[in-house]
């Protein structure tokens, strides 16, 4: 699971926007649905088992 480096939210998905595609980073850019931050570096963390 990926985590937003700005707000620490785990509500992150691949950024498939036209802006991302235009930058040439279509397949390796992510977007935080919580704060709107976009970028390439979104650290991965292990999901905790309940």
N, C-alpha and C. Protein backbone atom coordinates (compact mmCIF):
# COMPACT_ATOMS: atom_id res chain seq x y z
N UNK A 1 0.85 -1.16 0.00
CA UNK A 1 0.00 0.00 0.00
C UNK A 1 0.90 1.23 0.00
N UNK A 2 0.51 2.24 -0.74
CA UNK A 2 1.27 3.48 -0.82
C UNK A 2 0.72 4.51 0.16
N UNK A 3 1.60 5.39 0.59
CA UNK A 3 1.22 6.43 1.56
C UNK A 3 1.66 7.79 1.02
N UNK A 4 0.83 8.79 1.21
CA UNK A 4 1.14 10.14 0.74
C UNK A 4 2.25 10.74 1.60
N UNK A 5 3.32 11.24 0.99
CA UNK A 5 4.40 11.84 1.77
C UNK A 5 4.02 13.19 2.39
N UNK A 6 2.94 13.79 1.93
CA UNK A 6 2.53 15.10 2.44
C UNK A 6 1.58 14.97 3.63
N UNK A 7 0.49 14.17 3.48
CA UNK A 7 -0.52 14.12 4.55
C UNK A 7 -0.61 12.75 5.23
N UNK A 8 0.17 11.78 4.77
CA UNK A 8 0.24 10.42 5.34
C UNK A 8 -1.03 9.59 5.11
N UNK A 9 -1.88 10.02 4.17
CA UNK A 9 -3.08 9.26 3.84
C UNK A 9 -2.72 8.04 3.01
N UNK A 10 -3.51 6.99 3.13
CA UNK A 10 -3.31 5.80 2.30
C UNK A 10 -4.30 5.77 1.14
N UNK A 11 -5.06 6.83 0.95
CA UNK A 11 -6.01 6.94 -0.15
C UNK A 11 -5.27 7.46 -1.38
N UNK A 12 -4.45 6.59 -1.98
CA UNK A 12 -3.55 6.95 -3.08
C UNK A 12 -3.85 6.04 -4.27
N UNK A 13 -3.81 6.62 -5.46
CA UNK A 13 -4.01 5.82 -6.67
C UNK A 13 -3.12 6.36 -7.78
N UNK A 14 -2.98 5.58 -8.84
CA UNK A 14 -2.19 6.01 -9.99
C UNK A 14 -2.83 7.26 -10.59
N UNK A 15 -2.00 8.22 -10.97
CA UNK A 15 -2.49 9.47 -11.57
C UNK A 15 -2.61 9.25 -13.08
N UNK A 16 -3.83 9.12 -13.54
CA UNK A 16 -4.08 8.87 -14.96
C UNK A 16 -4.57 10.12 -15.68
N UNK A 17 -4.29 11.29 -15.12
CA UNK A 17 -4.75 12.55 -15.69
C UNK A 17 -3.98 12.90 -16.96
N UNK A 18 -4.55 13.81 -17.73
CA UNK A 18 -3.91 14.28 -18.96
C UNK A 18 -2.59 14.99 -18.65
N UNK A 19 -2.53 15.71 -17.52
CA UNK A 19 -1.29 16.39 -17.13
C UNK A 19 -0.17 15.38 -16.89
N UNK A 20 -0.49 14.30 -16.22
CA UNK A 20 0.50 13.27 -15.95
C UNK A 20 0.98 12.64 -17.26
N UNK A 21 0.06 12.38 -18.15
CA UNK A 21 0.39 11.79 -19.44
C UNK A 21 1.28 12.74 -20.25
N UNK A 22 0.99 14.03 -20.20
CA UNK A 22 1.77 15.02 -20.93
C UNK A 22 3.20 15.15 -20.43
N UNK A 23 3.41 14.88 -19.14
CA UNK A 23 4.75 14.94 -18.57
C UNK A 23 5.58 13.71 -18.90
N UNK A 24 4.93 12.68 -19.46
CA UNK A 24 5.65 11.45 -19.78
C UNK A 24 5.78 10.52 -18.59
N UNK A 25 5.10 10.82 -17.50
CA UNK A 25 5.20 9.97 -16.30
C UNK A 25 3.87 9.26 -16.05
N UNK A 26 3.21 8.88 -17.11
CA UNK A 26 1.86 8.31 -17.06
C UNK A 26 1.78 7.07 -16.18
N UNK A 27 2.81 6.24 -16.18
CA UNK A 27 2.72 4.98 -15.46
C UNK A 27 3.40 4.97 -14.10
N UNK A 28 4.07 6.05 -13.73
CA UNK A 28 4.76 6.03 -12.45
C UNK A 28 4.45 7.24 -11.58
N UNK A 29 3.38 7.94 -11.86
CA UNK A 29 2.99 9.07 -11.03
C UNK A 29 1.73 8.70 -10.24
N UNK A 30 1.67 9.17 -9.01
CA UNK A 30 0.54 8.84 -8.13
C UNK A 30 -0.12 10.11 -7.64
N UNK A 31 -1.36 9.97 -7.18
CA UNK A 31 -2.15 11.09 -6.69
C UNK A 31 -2.80 10.71 -5.38
N UNK A 32 -2.73 11.63 -4.40
CA UNK A 32 -3.41 11.44 -3.13
C UNK A 32 -4.83 11.99 -3.25
N UNK A 33 -5.81 11.16 -2.98
CA UNK A 33 -7.20 11.58 -3.06
C UNK A 33 -7.62 12.40 -1.84
N UNK A 34 -6.79 12.42 -0.81
CA UNK A 34 -7.10 13.17 0.40
C UNK A 34 -6.68 14.65 0.27
N UNK A 35 -5.43 14.89 -0.11
CA UNK A 35 -4.93 16.27 -0.16
C UNK A 35 -4.67 16.77 -1.58
N UNK A 36 -4.70 15.87 -2.57
CA UNK A 36 -4.49 16.27 -3.96
C UNK A 36 -3.04 16.29 -4.41
N UNK A 37 -2.12 15.92 -3.53
CA UNK A 37 -0.70 15.89 -3.88
C UNK A 37 -0.45 14.88 -5.00
N UNK A 38 0.36 15.24 -6.00
CA UNK A 38 0.75 14.31 -7.05
C UNK A 38 2.26 14.29 -7.13
N UNK A 39 2.79 13.14 -7.49
CA UNK A 39 4.23 13.00 -7.63
C UNK A 39 4.62 11.57 -7.91
N UNK A 40 5.91 11.39 -8.07
CA UNK A 40 6.44 10.06 -8.37
C UNK A 40 6.76 9.30 -7.09
N UNK A 41 7.23 10.01 -6.06
CA UNK A 41 7.65 9.34 -4.83
C UNK A 41 6.50 9.24 -3.83
N UNK A 42 5.94 8.05 -3.73
CA UNK A 42 4.94 7.72 -2.72
C UNK A 42 5.44 6.43 -2.06
N UNK A 43 5.96 6.51 -0.84
CA UNK A 43 6.52 5.33 -0.20
C UNK A 43 5.49 4.21 -0.03
N UNK A 44 5.97 3.00 -0.06
CA UNK A 44 5.11 1.84 0.17
C UNK A 44 5.27 1.37 1.60
N UNK A 45 4.16 0.99 2.22
CA UNK A 45 4.19 0.42 3.56
C UNK A 45 3.43 -0.89 3.53
N UNK A 46 3.74 -1.76 4.48
CA UNK A 46 3.03 -3.02 4.57
C UNK A 46 1.71 -2.80 5.29
N UNK A 47 0.68 -3.43 4.78
CA UNK A 47 -0.64 -3.32 5.38
C UNK A 47 -0.66 -4.14 6.66
N UNK A 48 -1.15 -3.54 7.75
CA UNK A 48 -1.21 -4.24 9.04
C UNK A 48 -2.34 -5.26 9.02
N UNK A 49 -2.08 -6.41 9.60
CA UNK A 49 -3.11 -7.43 9.73
C UNK A 49 -3.86 -7.19 11.03
N UNK A 50 -5.19 -7.32 10.97
CA UNK A 50 -6.02 -7.11 12.17
C UNK A 50 -6.06 -8.33 13.05
